[in-house]
PDB file of N, CA and C in Angstrom:
ATOM      1  N   MET A   1      15.514 166.190 149.138  1.00  0.00           N
ATOM      2  CA  MET A   1      16.415 166.927 150.526  1.00  0.00           C
ATOM      3  C   MET A   1      17.621 166.247 150.058  1.00  0.00           C
ATOM      4  N   LYS A   2      19.062 166.750 150.372  1.00  0.00           N
ATOM      5  CA  LYS A   2      20.014 165.834 150.713  1.00  0.00           C
ATOM      6  C   LYS A   2      20.012 165.268 151.844  1.00  0.00           C
ATOM      7  N   TRP A   3      20.589 164.183 152.235  1.00  0.00           N
ATOM      8  CA  TRP A   3      20.598 163.547 153.144  1.00  0.00           C
ATOM      9  C   TRP A   3      22.008 163.290 154.048  1.00  0.00           C
ATOM     10  N   ASP A   4      22.068 164.637 154.533  1.00  0.00           N
ATOM     11  CA  ASP A   4      23.447 164.830 155.221  1.00  0.00           C
ATOM     12  C   ASP A   4      23.445 165.065 156.604  1.00  0.00           C
ATOM     13  N   LYS A   5      22.010 164.690 157.220  1.00  0.00           N
ATOM     14  CA  LYS A   5      21.945 164.898 158.665  1.00  0.00           C
ATOM     15  C   LYS A   5      21.114 163.397 158.846  1.00  0.00           C
ATOM     16  N   ILE A   6      20.631 163.179 160.255  1.00  0.00           N
ATOM     17  CA  ILE A   6      19.930 162.296 160.767  1.00  0.00           C
ATOM     18  C   ILE A   6      18.314 162.669 160.733  1.00  0.00           C
ATOM     19  N   ILE A   7      17.762 161.968 160.475  1.00  0.00           N
ATOM     20  CA  ILE A   7      16.049 162.110 160.653  1.00  0.00           C
ATOM     21  C   ILE A   7      15.429 162.544 161.790  1.00  0.00           C
ATOM     22  N   THR A   8      15.056 163.690 161.838  1.00  0.00           N
ATOM     23  CA  THR A   8      14.697 164.436 163.205  1.00  0.00           C
ATOM     24  C   THR A   8      12.932 164.761 163.115  1.00  0.00           C
ATOM     25  N   THR A   9      12.201 164.333 162.420  1.00  0.00           N
ATOM     26  CA  THR A   9      10.904 165.321 162.282  1.00  0.00           C
ATOM     27  C   THR A   9       9.942 164.049 161.462  1.00  0.00           C
ATOM     28  N   GLU A  10       8.978 163.526 161.726  1.00  0.00           N
ATOM     29  CA  GLU A  10       8.265 162.943 160.736  1.00  0.00           C
ATOM     30  C   GLU A  10       8.207 163.218 159.912  1.00  0.00           C
ATOM     31  N   GLN A  11       8.361 164.334 159.363  1.00  0.00           N
ATOM     32  CA  GLN A  11       8.044 164.831 157.815  1.00  0.00           C
ATOM     33  C   GLN A  11       9.422 164.625 157.049  1.00  0.00           C
ATOM     34  N   GLU A  12      10.728 164.553 157.694  1.00  0.00           N
ATOM     35  CA  GLU A  12      11.908 164.249 157.158  1.00  0.00           C
ATOM     36  C   GLU A  12      11.530 162.144 157.300  1.00  0.00           C
ATOM     37  N   TYR A  13      10.952 161.926 157.902  1.00  0.00           N
ATOM     38  CA  TYR A  13      11.023 160.338 157.936  1.00  0.00           C
ATOM     39  C   TYR A  13      10.362 160.283 156.680  1.00  0.00           C
ATOM     40  N   GLU A  14       9.100 160.942 156.980  1.00  0.00           N
ATOM     41  CA  GLU A  14       8.253 160.567 155.479  1.00  0.00           C
ATOM     42  C   GLU A  14       9.004 160.540 154.238  1.00  0.00           C
ATOM     43  N   LYS A  15       9.763 161.620 154.125  1.00  0.00           N
ATOM     44  CA  LYS A  15      10.504 162.427 152.739  1.00  0.00           C
ATOM     45  C   LYS A  15      11.682 161.001 152.731  1.00  0.00           C
ATOM     46  N   ALA A  16      11.829 160.408 153.478  1.00  0.00           N
ATOM     47  CA  ALA A  16      13.408 159.312 153.674  1.00  0.00           C
ATOM     48  C   ALA A  16      12.742 158.044 153.331  1.00  0.00           C
ATOM     49  N   LEU A  17      11.572 157.700 153.593  1.00  0.00           N
ATOM     50  CA  LEU A  17      10.677 156.575 152.782  1.00  0.00           C
ATOM     51  C   LEU A  17      10.103 156.546 151.633  1.00  0.00           C
ATOM     52  N   LYS A  18       9.656 157.669 151.410  1.00  0.00           N
ATOM     53  CA  LYS A  18       9.368 157.766 149.907  1.00  0.00           C
ATOM     54  C   LYS A  18      10.464 157.940 149.029  1.00  0.00           C
ATOM     55  N   ARG A  19      11.581 158.331 149.167  1.00  0.00           N
ATOM     56  CA  ARG A  19      12.824 158.453 148.109  1.00  0.00           C
ATOM     57  C   ARG A  19      13.208 156.932 148.473  1.00  0.00           C
ATOM     58  N   LEU A  20      12.922 156.201 149.782  1.00  0.00           N
ATOM     59  CA  LEU A  20      13.880 154.994 149.520  1.00  0.00           C
ATOM     60  C   LEU A  20      12.954 153.863 148.795  1.00  0.00           C
ATOM     61  N   SER A  21      11.483 154.487 148.773  1.00  0.00           N
ATOM     62  CA  SER A  21      11.044 153.397 147.844  1.00  0.00           C
ATOM     63  C   SER A  21      11.188 153.766 146.047  1.00  0.00           C
ATOM     64  N   THR A  22      11.714 154.779 145.712  1.00  0.00           N
ATOM     65  CA  THR A  22      12.370 154.667 144.664  1.00  0.00           C
ATOM     66  C   THR A  22      13.303 154.138 144.105  1.00  0.00           C
ATOM     67  N   ILE A  23      14.463 154.424 145.170  1.00  0.00           N
ATOM     68  CA  ILE A  23      15.804 153.899 145.162  1.00  0.00           C
ATOM     69  C   ILE A  23      16.061 152.549 145.632  1.00  0.00           C
ATOM     70  N   PHE A  24      15.268 151.988 145.925  1.00  0.00           N
ATOM     71  CA  PHE A  24      15.386 150.564 146.817  1.00  0.00           C
ATOM     72  C   PHE A  24      16.298 149.773 146.384  1.00  0.00           C
ATOM     73  N   ASP A  25      15.864 149.424 144.935  1.00  0.00           N
ATOM     74  CA  ASP A  25      16.280 148.131 143.981  1.00  0.00           C
ATOM     75  C   ASP A  25      17.944 148.816 143.330  1.00  0.00           C
ATOM     76  N   ALA A  26      18.687 150.189 143.857  1.00  0.00           N
ATOM     77  CA  ALA A  26      19.391 150.383 142.600  1.00  0.00           C
ATOM     78  C   ALA A  26      20.362 149.374 143.131  1.00  0.00           C
ATOM     79  N   ASN A  27      21.640 149.717 142.338  1.00  0.00           N
ATOM     80  CA  ASN A  27      22.993 148.899 142.698  1.00  0.00           C
ATOM     81  C   ASN A  27      23.703 149.282 143.544  1.00  0.00           C
ATOM     82  N   LEU A  28      24.479 148.345 144.067  1.00  0.00           N
ATOM     83  CA  LEU A  28      24.939 148.525 145.329  1.00  0.00           C
ATOM     84  C   LEU A  28      26.337 149.802 145.604  1.00  0.00           C
ATOM     85  N   GLY A  29      27.188 149.529 144.527  1.00  0.00           N
ATOM     86  CA  GLY A  29      28.444 150.727 144.262  1.00  0.00           C
ATOM     87  C   GLY A  29      27.702 152.162 143.783  1.00  0.00           C
ATOM     88  N   SER A  30      26.516 152.072 143.037  1.00  0.00           N
ATOM     89  CA  SER A  30      26.245 153.291 142.600  1.00  0.00           C
ATOM     90  C   SER A  30      25.881 154.304 143.469  1.00  0.00           C
ATOM     91  N   PRO A  31      25.914 155.968 142.807  1.00  0.00           N
ATOM     92  CA  PRO A  31      25.589 156.925 144.110  1.00  0.00           C
ATOM     93  C   PRO A  31      24.260 156.671 144.221  1.00  0.00           C
ATOM     94  N   GLU A  32      23.010 155.693 143.590  1.00  0.00           N
ATOM     95  CA  GLU A  32      21.551 155.965 144.471  1.00  0.00           C
ATOM     96  C   GLU A  32      22.097 154.639 145.412  1.00  0.00           C
ATOM     97  N   GLY A  33      22.602 153.298 145.082  1.00  0.00           N
ATOM     98  CA  GLY A  33      22.556 152.339 145.894  1.00  0.00           C
ATOM     99  C   GLY A  33      23.166 152.688 147.228  1.00  0.00           C
ATOM    100  N   MET A  34      24.703 153.591 147.202  1.00  0.00           N
ATOM    101  CA  MET A  34      24.894 154.612 148.528  1.00  0.00           C
ATOM    102  C   MET A  34      23.872 154.917 149.361  1.00  0.00           C
ATOM    103  N   GLU A  35      23.213 155.933 148.721  1.00  0.00           N
ATOM    104  CA  GLU A  35      22.001 156.680 149.047  1.00  0.00           C
ATOM    105  C   GLU A  35      21.148 155.798 150.179  1.00  0.00           C
ATOM    106  N   ALA A  36      20.521 154.649 148.961  1.00  0.00           N
ATOM    107  CA  ALA A  36      19.627 153.675 149.476  1.00  0.00           C
ATOM    108  C   ALA A  36      20.383 153.183 151.025  1.00  0.00           C
ATOM    109  N   GLU A  37      21.503 152.743 151.134  1.00  0.00           N
ATOM    110  CA  GLU A  37      22.160 152.487 152.189  1.00  0.00           C
ATOM    111  C   GLU A  37      22.328 153.406 153.236  1.00  0.00           C
ATOM    112  N   LEU A  38      22.272 154.392 152.960  1.00  0.00           N
ATOM    113  CA  LEU A  38      22.749 155.587 153.947  1.00  0.00           C
ATOM    114  C   LEU A  38      21.096 155.923 154.544  1.00  0.00           C
ATOM    115  N   LEU A  39      20.119 156.005 153.596  1.00  0.00           N
ATOM    116  CA  LEU A  39      18.870 156.087 153.769  1.00  0.00           C
ATOM    117  C   LEU A  39      18.179 154.901 154.825  1.00  0.00           C
ATOM    118  N   VAL A  40      18.694 153.667 154.723  1.00  0.00           N
ATOM    119  CA  VAL A  40      18.219 152.625 155.409  1.00  0.00           C
ATOM    120  C   VAL A  40      18.535 152.880 157.050  1.00  0.00           C
ATOM    121  N   THR A  41      19.890 152.852 157.148  1.00  0.00           N
ATOM    122  CA  THR A  41      20.742 153.029 158.349  1.00  0.00           C
ATOM    123  C   THR A  41      19.931 154.386 159.121  1.00  0.00           C
ATOM    124  N   LEU A  42      19.400 155.527 158.449  1.00  0.00           N
ATOM    125  CA  LEU A  42      18.789 156.691 159.295  1.00  0.00           C
ATOM    126  C   LEU A  42      17.571 156.403 159.424  1.00  0.00           C
ATOM    127  N   VAL A  43      16.474 155.414 158.538  1.00  0.00           N
ATOM    128  CA  VAL A  43      15.232 155.359 158.635  1.00  0.00           C
ATOM    129  C   VAL A  43      15.637 154.254 160.315  1.00  0.00           C
ATOM    130  N   GLU A  44      16.092 153.321 160.114  1.00  0.00           N
ATOM    131  CA  GLU A  44      16.496 152.292 161.229  1.00  0.00           C
ATOM    132  C   GLU A  44      16.117 153.265 162.509  1.00  0.00           C
ATOM    133  N   LYS A  45      16.898 154.033 162.802  1.00  0.00           N
ATOM    134  CA  LYS A  45      17.659 154.694 164.002  1.00  0.00           C
ATOM    135  C   LYS A  45      16.629 155.287 163.944  1.00  0.00           C
ATOM    136  N   TYR A  46      15.888 156.320 163.383  1.00  0.00           N
ATOM    137  CA  TYR A  46      14.602 157.126 163.526  1.00  0.00           C
ATOM    138  C   TYR A  46      13.404 156.163 163.835  1.00  0.00           C
ATOM    139  N   GLU A  47      13.303 154.945 163.269  1.00  0.00           N
ATOM    140  CA  GLU A  47      12.096 153.902 163.640  1.00  0.00           C
ATOM    141  C   GLU A  47      12.528 153.384 165.362  1.00  0.00           C
ATOM    142  N   LYS A  48      13.941 152.938 165.310  1.00  0.00           N
ATOM    143  CA  LYS A  48      13.941 152.465 167.070  1.00  0.00           C
ATOM    144  C   LYS A  48      13.352 153.463 167.776  1.00  0.00           C
ATOM    145  N   GLU A  49      13.896 154.866 167.560  1.00  0.00           N
ATOM    146  CA  GLU A  49      13.884 155.459 168.820  1.00  0.00           C
ATOM    147  C   GLU A  49      12.221 156.153 168.783  1.00  0.00           C
ATOM    148  N   HIS A  50      11.630 155.651 167.723  1.00  0.00           N
ATOM    149  CA  HIS A  50      10.056 156.368 168.057  1.00  0.00           C
ATOM    150  C   HIS A  50       9.576 155.585 167.472  1.00  0.00           C
ATOM    151  N   TYR A  51       9.764 154.448 167.029  1.00  0.00           N
ATOM    152  CA  TYR A  51       8.747 153.557 167.344  1.00  0.00           C
ATOM    153  C   TYR A  51       8.925 151.927 167.745  1.00  0.00           C
ATOM    154  N   PRO A  52       9.800 152.287 169.009  1.00  0.00           N
ATOM    155  CA  PRO A  52      10.175 150.643 169.507  1.00  0.00           C
ATOM    156  C   PRO A  52       9.209 149.716 169.586  1.00  0.00           C
ATOM    157  N   ILE A  53       9.726 148.512 169.156  1.00  0.00           N
ATOM    158  CA  ILE A  53       8.839 147.500 169.085  1.00  0.00           C
ATOM    159  C   ILE A  53       8.624 146.462 170.524  1.00  0.00           C
ATOM    160  N   ALA A  54       8.194 146.628 171.541  1.00  0.00           N
ATOM    161  CA  ALA A  54       8.456 145.915 172.782  1.00  0.00           C
ATOM    162  C   ALA A  54       8.803 144.173 172.298  1.00  0.00           C
ATOM    163  N   LEU A  55       9.477 143.912 173.560  1.00  0.00           N
ATOM    164  CA  LEU A  55       9.706 142.449 173.419  1.00  0.00           C
ATOM    165  C   LEU A  55       8.880 141.595 173.575  1.00  0.00           C
ATOM    166  N   PRO A  56       8.529 140.580 173.427  1.00  0.00           N
ATOM    167  CA  PRO A  56       7.450 139.783 173.530  1.00  0.00           C
ATOM    168  C   PRO A  56       7.218 139.167 175.541  1.00  0.00           C
ATOM    169  N   GLU A  57       6.110 138.635 175.750  1.00  0.00           N
ATOM    170  CA  GLU A  57       6.263 138.149 177.132  1.00  0.00           C
ATOM    171  C   GLU A  57       7.080 137.348 176.980  1.00  0.00           C
ATOM    172  N   PRO A  58       7.805 136.639 178.272  1.00  0.00           N
ATOM    173  CA  PRO A  58       8.474 135.530 178.402  1.00  0.00           C
ATOM    174  C   PRO A  58       7.975 134.035 177.753  1.00  0.00           C
ATOM    175  N   ILE A  59       6.717 133.984 178.082  1.00  0.00           N
ATOM    176  CA  ILE A  59       6.022 132.540 178.249  1.00  0.00           C
ATOM    177  C   ILE A  59       5.382 132.356 176.679  1.00  0.00           C
ATOM    178  N   THR A  60       5.032 133.244 176.271  1.00  0.00           N
ATOM    179  CA  THR A  60       4.139 133.574 174.893  1.00  0.00           C
ATOM    180  C   THR A  60       5.264 133.315 174.016  1.00  0.00           C
ATOM    181  N   ALA A  61       6.774 133.930 174.431  1.00  0.00           N
ATOM    182  CA  ALA A  61       7.961 133.639 173.527  1.00  0.00           C
ATOM    183  C   ALA A  61       8.439 132.602 173.206  1.00  0.00           C
ATOM    184  N   VAL A  62       8.564 132.036 174.703  1.00  0.00           N
ATOM    185  CA  VAL A  62       8.691 130.278 175.137  1.00  0.00           C
ATOM    186  C   VAL A  62       8.011 129.665 174.449  1.00  0.00           C
ATOM    187  N   LYS A  63       6.361 129.833 174.234  1.00  0.00           N
ATOM    188  CA  LYS A  63       5.381 128.363 173.155  1.00  0.00           C
ATOM    189  C   LYS A  63       5.746 128.725 171.432  1.00  0.00           C
ATOM    190  N   GLU A  64       5.823 130.515 171.496  1.00  0.00           N
ATOM    191  CA  GLU A  64       5.973 130.726 169.923  1.00  0.00           C
ATOM    192  C   GLU A  64       7.142 129.606 169.440  1.00  0.00           C
ATOM    193  N   ALA A  65       8.512 129.932 170.497  1.00  0.00           N
ATOM    194  CA  ALA A  65       9.606 129.702 169.591  1.00  0.00           C
ATOM    195  C   ALA A  65      10.026 127.936 169.777  1.00  0.00           C
ATOM    196  N   MET A  66       8.859 126.848 170.836  1.00  0.00           N
ATOM    197  CA  MET A  66       8.244 125.246 170.899  1.00  0.00           C
ATOM    198  C   MET A  66       7.579 125.394 169.376  1.00  0.00           C
ATOM    199  N   GLU A  67       6.516 126.643 169.020  1.00  0.00           N
ATOM    200  CA  GLU A  67       5.996 125.691 167.885  1.00  0.00           C
ATOM    201  C   GLU A  67       7.092 125.993 166.942  1.00  0.00           C
ATOM    202  N   MET A  68       7.829 127.086 166.603  1.00  0.00           N
ATOM    203  CA  MET A  68       8.943 127.244 165.442  1.00  0.00           C
ATOM    204  C   MET A  68       9.668 125.854 165.510  1.00  0.00           C
ATOM    205  N   LYS A  69      10.191 125.575 166.285  1.00  0.00           N
ATOM    206  CA  LYS A  69      11.021 124.270 166.504  1.00  0.00           C
ATOM    207  C   LYS A  69      10.070 122.755 166.506  1.00  0.00           C
ATOM    208  N   GLY A  70       9.247 122.960 166.517  1.00  0.00           N
ATOM    209  CA  GLY A  70       8.301 121.614 166.396  1.00  0.00           C
ATOM    210  C   GLY A  70       8.384 121.193 167.507  1.00  0.00           C
ATOM    211  N   LEU A  71       8.535 121.856 169.114  1.00  0.00           N
ATOM    212  CA  LEU A  71       8.666 120.976 170.042  1.00  0.00           C
ATOM    213  C   LEU A  71       7.387 120.618 170.778  1.00  0.00           C
ATOM    214  N   LYS A  72       7.143 119.702 171.735  1.00  0.00           N
ATOM    215  CA  LYS A  72       6.312 119.805 172.762  1.00  0.00           C
ATOM    216  C   LYS A  72       6.906 120.122 173.839  1.00  0.00           C
ATOM    217  N   ASP A  73       5.968 119.842 174.661  1.00  0.00           N
ATOM    218  CA  ASP A  73       6.259 120.157 176.432  1.00  0.00           C
ATOM    219  C   ASP A  73       6.899 119.257 176.780  1.00  0.00           C
ATOM    220  N   LYS A  74       7.104 118.368 176.779  1.00  0.00           N
ATOM    221  CA  LYS A  74       7.698 117.312 177.174  1.00  0.00           C
ATOM    222  C   LYS A  74       9.109 117.395 176.702  1.00  0.00           C
ATOM    223  N   ASP A  75       9.675 118.363 175.625  1.00  0.00           N
ATOM    224  CA  ASP A  75      10.785 118.292 174.934  1.00  0.00           C
ATOM    225  C   ASP A  75      11.255 119.349 176.224  1.00  0.00           C
ATOM    226  N   LEU A  76      10.566 120.449 176.824  1.00  0.00           N
ATOM    227  CA  LEU A  76      11.102 120.959 177.881  1.00  0.00           C
ATOM    228  C   LEU A  76      11.729 120.512 179.142  1.00  0.00           C
ATOM    229  N   ILE A  77      11.094 119.233 179.394  1.00  0.00           N
ATOM    230  CA  ILE A  77      11.682 118.760 180.730  1.00  0.00           C
ATOM    231  C   ILE A  77      13.096 118.896 181.056  1.00  0.00           C
ATOM    232  N   GLN A  78      14.177 118.492 179.843  1.00  0.00           N
ATOM    233  CA  GLN A  78      15.605 118.994 180.103  1.00  0.00           C
ATOM    234  C   GLN A  78      15.810 120.275 180.560  1.00  0.00           C
ATOM    235  N   ALA A  79      15.209 121.102 180.249  1.00  0.00           N
ATOM    236  CA  ALA A  79      15.408 122.940 180.582  1.00  0.00           C
ATOM    237  C   ALA A  79      14.372 123.195 181.993  1.00  0.00           C
ATOM    238  N   ILE A  80      13.194 122.464 182.043  1.00  0.00           N
ATOM    239  CA  ILE A  80      12.689 123.400 182.986  1.00  0.00           C
ATOM    240  C   ILE A  80      12.439 122.660 184.385  1.00  0.00           C
ATOM    241  N   GLY A  81      12.310 120.990 184.482  1.00  0.00           N
ATOM    242  CA  GLY A  81      12.813 119.874 185.242  1.00  0.00           C
ATOM    243  C   GLY A  81      11.210 119.075 184.767  1.00  0.00           C
ATOM    244  N   SER A  82      10.569 118.330 185.817  1.00  0.00           N
ATOM    245  CA  SER A  82       9.607 117.748 185.771  1.00  0.00           C
ATOM    246  C   SER A  82       8.594 117.867 184.518  1.00  0.00           C
ATOM    247  N   LYS A  83       7.493 116.737 184.106  1.00  0.00           N
ATOM    248  CA  LYS A  83       6.671 117.014 183.257  1.00  0.00           C
ATOM    249  C   LYS A  83       5.660 117.904 184.401  1.00  0.00           C
ATOM    250  N   THR A  84       5.163 117.715 185.218  1.00  0.00           N
ATOM    251  CA  THR A  84       4.776 118.642 186.199  1.00  0.00           C
ATOM    252  C   THR A  84       5.004 120.205 186.366  1.00  0.00           C
ATOM    253  N   THR A  85       6.340 120.502 186.140  1.00  0.00           N
ATOM    254  CA  THR A  85       6.648 121.475 186.422  1.00  0.00           C
ATOM    255  C   THR A  85       6.662 122.572 185.088  1.00  0.00           C
ATOM    256  N   VAL A  86       6.893 121.798 183.958  1.00  0.00           N
ATOM    257  CA  VAL A  86       6.629 122.005 182.626  1.00  0.00           C
ATOM    258  C   VAL A  86       5.471 122.545 182.492  1.00  0.00           C
ATOM    259  N   SER A  87       4.740 121.986 182.750  1.00  0.00           N
ATOM    260  CA  SER A  87       3.260 122.464 182.497  1.00  0.00           C
ATOM    261  C   SER A  87       2.854 123.512 183.848  1.00  0.00           C
ATOM    262  N   LEU A  88       3.418 123.787 185.158  1.00  0.00           N
ATOM    263  CA  LEU A  88       2.840 124.599 185.857  1.00  0.00           C
ATOM    264  C   LEU A  88       3.509 126.115 185.309  1.00  0.00           C
ATOM    265  N   VAL A  89       4.919 126.178 184.769  1.00  0.00           N
ATOM    266  CA  VAL A  89       5.276 127.471 184.296  1.00  0.00           C
ATOM    267  C   VAL A  89       4.963 127.416 182.850  1.00  0.00           C
ATOM    268  N   LEU A  90       4.190 126.419 182.214  1.00  0.00           N
ATOM    269  CA  LEU A  90       3.413 127.385 180.890  1.00  0.00           C
ATOM    270  C   LEU A  90       2.208 127.922 180.919  1.00  0.00           C
ATOM    271  N   ASN A  91       1.497 127.529 181.930  1.00  0.00           N
ATOM    272  CA  ASN A  91       0.279 127.741 182.470  1.00  0.00           C
ATOM    273  C   ASN A  91      -0.046 128.947 183.236  1.00  0.00           C
ATOM    274  N   ARG A  92       1.404 129.357 183.673  1.00  0.00           N
ATOM    275  CA  ARG A  92       1.229 130.859 184.596  1.00  0.00           C
ATOM    276  C   ARG A  92       1.524 130.673 185.946  1.00  0.00           C
ATOM    277  N   LYS A  93       1.691 129.286 186.076  1.00  0.00           N
ATOM    278  CA  LYS A  93       0.731 129.132 187.642  1.00  0.00           C
ATOM    279  C   LYS A  93       2.563 129.105 188.263  1.00  0.00           C
ATOM    280  N   ARG A  94       3.782 128.725 187.837  1.00  0.00           N
ATOM    281  CA  ARG A  94       5.243 128.835 188.407  1.00  0.00           C
ATOM    282  C   ARG A  94       5.628 129.834 187.928  1.00  0.00           C
ATOM    283  N   ALA A  95       6.342 130.248 188.263  1.00  0.00           N
ATOM    284  CA  ALA A  95       7.495 131.245 187.576  1.00  0.00           C
ATOM    285  C   ALA A  95       8.869 130.538 187.263  1.00  0.00           C
ATOM    286  N   LEU A  96       9.539 131.409 186.192  1.00  0.00           N
ATOM    287  CA  LEU A  96      10.911 130.705 185.647  1.00  0.00           C
ATOM    288  C   LEU A  96      11.549 131.411 186.930  1.00  0.00           C
ATOM    289  N   THR A  97      12.979 130.230 186.487  1.00  0.00           N
ATOM    290  CA  THR A  97      13.923 130.704 187.751  1.00  0.00           C
ATOM    291  C   THR A  97      15.085 130.891 187.091  1.00  0.00           C
ATOM    292  N   ILE A  98      16.008 131.443 187.477  1.00  0.00           N
ATOM    293  CA  ILE A  98      17.553 132.055 186.748  1.00  0.00           C
ATOM    294  C   ILE A  98      17.671 130.522 185.894  1.00  0.00           C
ATOM    295  N   ASP A  99      17.692 129.496 186.715  1.00  0.00           N
ATOM    296  CA  ASP A  99      18.510 128.442 185.767  1.00  0.00           C
ATOM    297  C   ASP A  99      17.605 127.751 185.005  1.00  0.00           C
ATOM    298  N   MET A 100      16.259 127.952 184.456  1.00  0.00           N
ATOM    299  CA  MET A 100      15.244 127.640 183.741  1.00  0.00           C
ATOM    300  C   MET A 100      15.613 128.720 182.518  1.00  0.00           C
ATOM    301  N   ILE A 101      16.197 130.088 182.848  1.00  0.00           N
ATOM    302  CA  ILE A 101      16.165 130.895 181.705  1.00  0.00           C
ATOM    303  C   ILE A 101      17.232 130.593 181.280  1.00  0.00           C
ATOM    304  N   ARG A 102      18.422 130.303 182.049  1.00  0.00           N
ATOM    305  CA  ARG A 102      19.772 129.873 181.552  1.00  0.00           C
ATOM    306  C   ARG A 102      19.476 128.500 180.315  1.00  0.00           C
ATOM    307  N   ASN A 103      18.434 127.544 181.045  1.00  0.00           N
ATOM    308  CA  ASN A 103      18.701 126.687 179.758  1.00  0.00           C
ATOM    309  C   ASN A 103      17.648 126.469 178.917  1.00  0.00           C
ATOM    310  N   LEU A 104      16.810 127.441 178.966  1.00  0.00           N
ATOM    311  CA  LEU A 104      15.784 127.658 177.945  1.00  0.00           C
ATOM    312  C   LEU A 104      16.391 128.469 176.956  1.00  0.00           C
ATOM    313  N   ARG A 105      17.029 129.614 177.290  1.00  0.00           N
ATOM    314  CA  ARG A 105      18.509 130.370 176.489  1.00  0.00           C
ATOM    315  C   ARG A 105      18.940 129.157 175.580  1.00  0.00           C
ATOM    316  N   GLU A 106      19.382 128.209 176.439  1.00  0.00           N
ATOM    317  CA  GLU A 106      20.268 127.604 175.452  1.00  0.00           C
ATOM    318  C   GLU A 106      19.386 126.722 174.178  1.00  0.00           C
ATOM    319  N   LEU A 107      18.391 125.896 174.972  1.00  0.00           N
ATOM    320  CA  LEU A 107      17.354 125.099 174.227  1.00  0.00           C
ATOM    321  C   LEU A 107      16.526 125.765 173.166  1.00  0.00           C
ATOM    322  N   LEU A 108      16.437 126.834 173.594  1.00  0.00           N
ATOM    323  CA  LEU A 108      15.567 127.941 172.337  1.00  0.00           C
ATOM    324  C   LEU A 108      16.259 128.451 171.746  1.00  0.00           C
ATOM    325  N   GLY A 109      17.379 128.952 171.917  1.00  0.00           N
ATOM    326  CA  GLY A 109      17.708 130.177 171.329  1.00  0.00           C
ATOM    327  C   GLY A 109      17.196 131.834 171.652  1.00  0.00           C
ATOM    328  N   LEU A 110      16.388 131.599 172.820  1.00  0.00           N
ATOM    329  CA  LEU A 110      15.829 133.116 173.133  1.00  0.00           C
ATOM    330  C   LEU A 110      16.505 134.272 173.788  1.00  0.00           C
ATOM    331  N   PRO A 111      16.571 135.281 173.430  1.00  0.00           N
ATOM    332  CA  PRO A 111      17.524 136.137 174.178  1.00  0.00           C
ATOM    333  C   PRO A 111      16.898 136.451 175.525  1.00  0.00           C
ATOM    334  N   VAL A 112      17.981 136.201 176.776  1.00  0.00           N
ATOM    335  CA  VAL A 112      18.230 136.419 178.116  1.00  0.00           C
ATOM    336  C   VAL A 112      17.223 137.264 178.468  1.00  0.00           C
ATOM    337  N   GLU A 113      17.557 138.690 177.495  1.00  0.00           N
ATOM    338  CA  GLU A 113      16.052 140.001 177.767  1.00  0.00           C
ATOM    339  C   GLU A 113      15.151 139.459 177.538  1.00  0.00           C
ATOM    340  N   VAL A 114      14.412 138.954 177.179  1.00  0.00           N
ATOM    341  CA  VAL A 114      13.013 138.049 176.728  1.00  0.00           C
ATOM    342  C   VAL A 114      12.701 137.288 178.065  1.00  0.00           C
ATOM    343  N   LEU A 115      13.461 136.852 178.178  1.00  0.00           N
ATOM    344  CA  LEU A 115      12.872 135.581 179.519  1.00  0.00           C
ATOM    345  C   LEU A 115      13.041 136.148 180.858  1.00  0.00           C
ATOM    346  N   ILE A 116      13.546 137.132 181.116  1.00  0.00           N
ATOM    347  CA  ILE A 116      13.805 137.972 182.282  1.00  0.00           C
ATOM    348  C   ILE A 116      12.901 138.642 182.860  1.00  0.00           C
ATOM    349  N   GLN A 117      11.825 139.083 181.765  1.00  0.00           N
ATOM    350  CA  GLN A 117      10.614 140.477 181.915  1.00  0.00           C
ATOM    351  C   GLN A 117       9.849 139.840 182.897  1.00  0.00           C
ATOM    352  N   PRO A 118       9.229 140.751 183.844  1.00  0.00           N
ATOM    353  CA  PRO A 118       8.053 140.350 184.705  1.00  0.00           C
ATOM    354  C   PRO A 118       6.843 140.042 183.663  1.00  0.00           C
ATOM    355  N   TYR A 119       6.227 138.927 184.432  1.00  0.00           N
ATOM    356  CA  TYR A 119       5.011 138.487 183.226  1.00  0.00           C
ATOM    357  C   TYR A 119       3.790 137.889 184.412  1.00  0.00           C
ATOM    358  N   GLU A 120       2.970 137.970 184.119  1.00  0.00           N
ATOM    359  CA  GLU A 120       1.490 137.758 184.840  1.00  0.00           C
ATOM    360  C   GLU A 120       1.936 136.154 185.154  1.00  0.00           C
ATOM    361  N   LEU A 121       1.746 135.641 186.705  1.00  0.00           N
ATOM    362  CA  LEU A 121       1.791 134.707 187.142  1.00  0.00           C
ATOM    363  C   LEU A 121       0.255 134.442 188.029  1.00  0.00           C
ATOM    364  N   ASN A 122      -0.225 133.432 187.887  1.00  0.00           N
ATOM    365  CA  ASN A 122      -1.628 133.768 188.941  1.00  0.00           C
ATOM    366  C   ASN A 122      -2.651 134.847 188.561  1.00  0.00           C
ATOM    367  N   GLY A 123      -2.434 135.819 187.892  1.00  0.00           N
ATOM    368  CA  GLY A 123      -3.033 136.689 187.837  1.00  0.00           C
ATOM    369  C   GLY A 123      -2.677 137.946 188.288  1.00  0.00           C
ATOM    370  N   LYS A 124      -1.412 137.894 188.853  1.00  0.00           N
ATOM    371  CA  LYS A 124      -0.617 139.211 189.019  1.00  0.00           C
ATOM    372  C   LYS A 124       0.910 139.392 188.340  1.00  0.00           C
ATOM    373  N   GLN A 125       1.345 140.307 188.412  1.00  0.00           N
ATOM    374  CA  GLN A 125       2.937 140.173 188.143  1.00  0.00           C
ATOM    375  C   GLN A 125       3.668 139.698 188.639  1.00  0.00           C
ATOM    376  N   GLU A 126       5.167 138.697 187.912  1.00  0.00           N
ATOM    377  CA  GLU A 126       5.539 138.388 188.913  1.00  0.00           C
ATOM    378  C   GLU A 126       7.299 138.991 188.726  1.00  0.00           C
ATOM    379  N   MET A 127       8.231 138.540 189.655  1.00  0.00           N
ATOM    380  CA  MET A 127       9.240 138.876 188.884  1.00  0.00           C
ATOM    381  C   MET A 127       9.877 137.524 189.207  1.00  0.00           C
ATOM    382  N   VAL A 128      11.096 137.060 188.001  1.00  0.00           N
ATOM    383  CA  VAL A 128      12.099 136.200 188.020  1.00  0.00           C
ATOM    384  C   VAL A 128      12.640 135.915 189.648  1.00  0.00           C
ATOM    385  N   ASN A 129      12.904 134.512 189.561  1.00  0.00           N
ATOM    386  CA  ASN A 129      12.810 134.225 191.089  1.00  0.00           C
ATOM    387  C   ASN A 129      14.957 133.996 190.742  1.00  0.00           C
TER     388      ASN A 129
END
């Protein structure tokens, strides 16, 4: 199949993946290398539209970022407030505020889009204050 259009069907997607697996390591300047670059772009577009990846839940994302950076609960005091407030937020007893979100974005490097999502708080869905 000649790749002169976007991938629109699952069959085209499978063909593109199969072809890409055979030319993936081609030299970038070669015709196969350029074809591989094009296929990667087309496959990514198709996957983004047909297999979207959900954003992580805010508190889970905070905990994972803390783990990756080797941070402890006490390290969030500067972003969230007191030790008690940190505990309440991480245990889903208190919602993140806008100021906390700004501070966590800065401290942990998490996207605002992740932190502003609704999440379960005290057993029910909550919105950011």
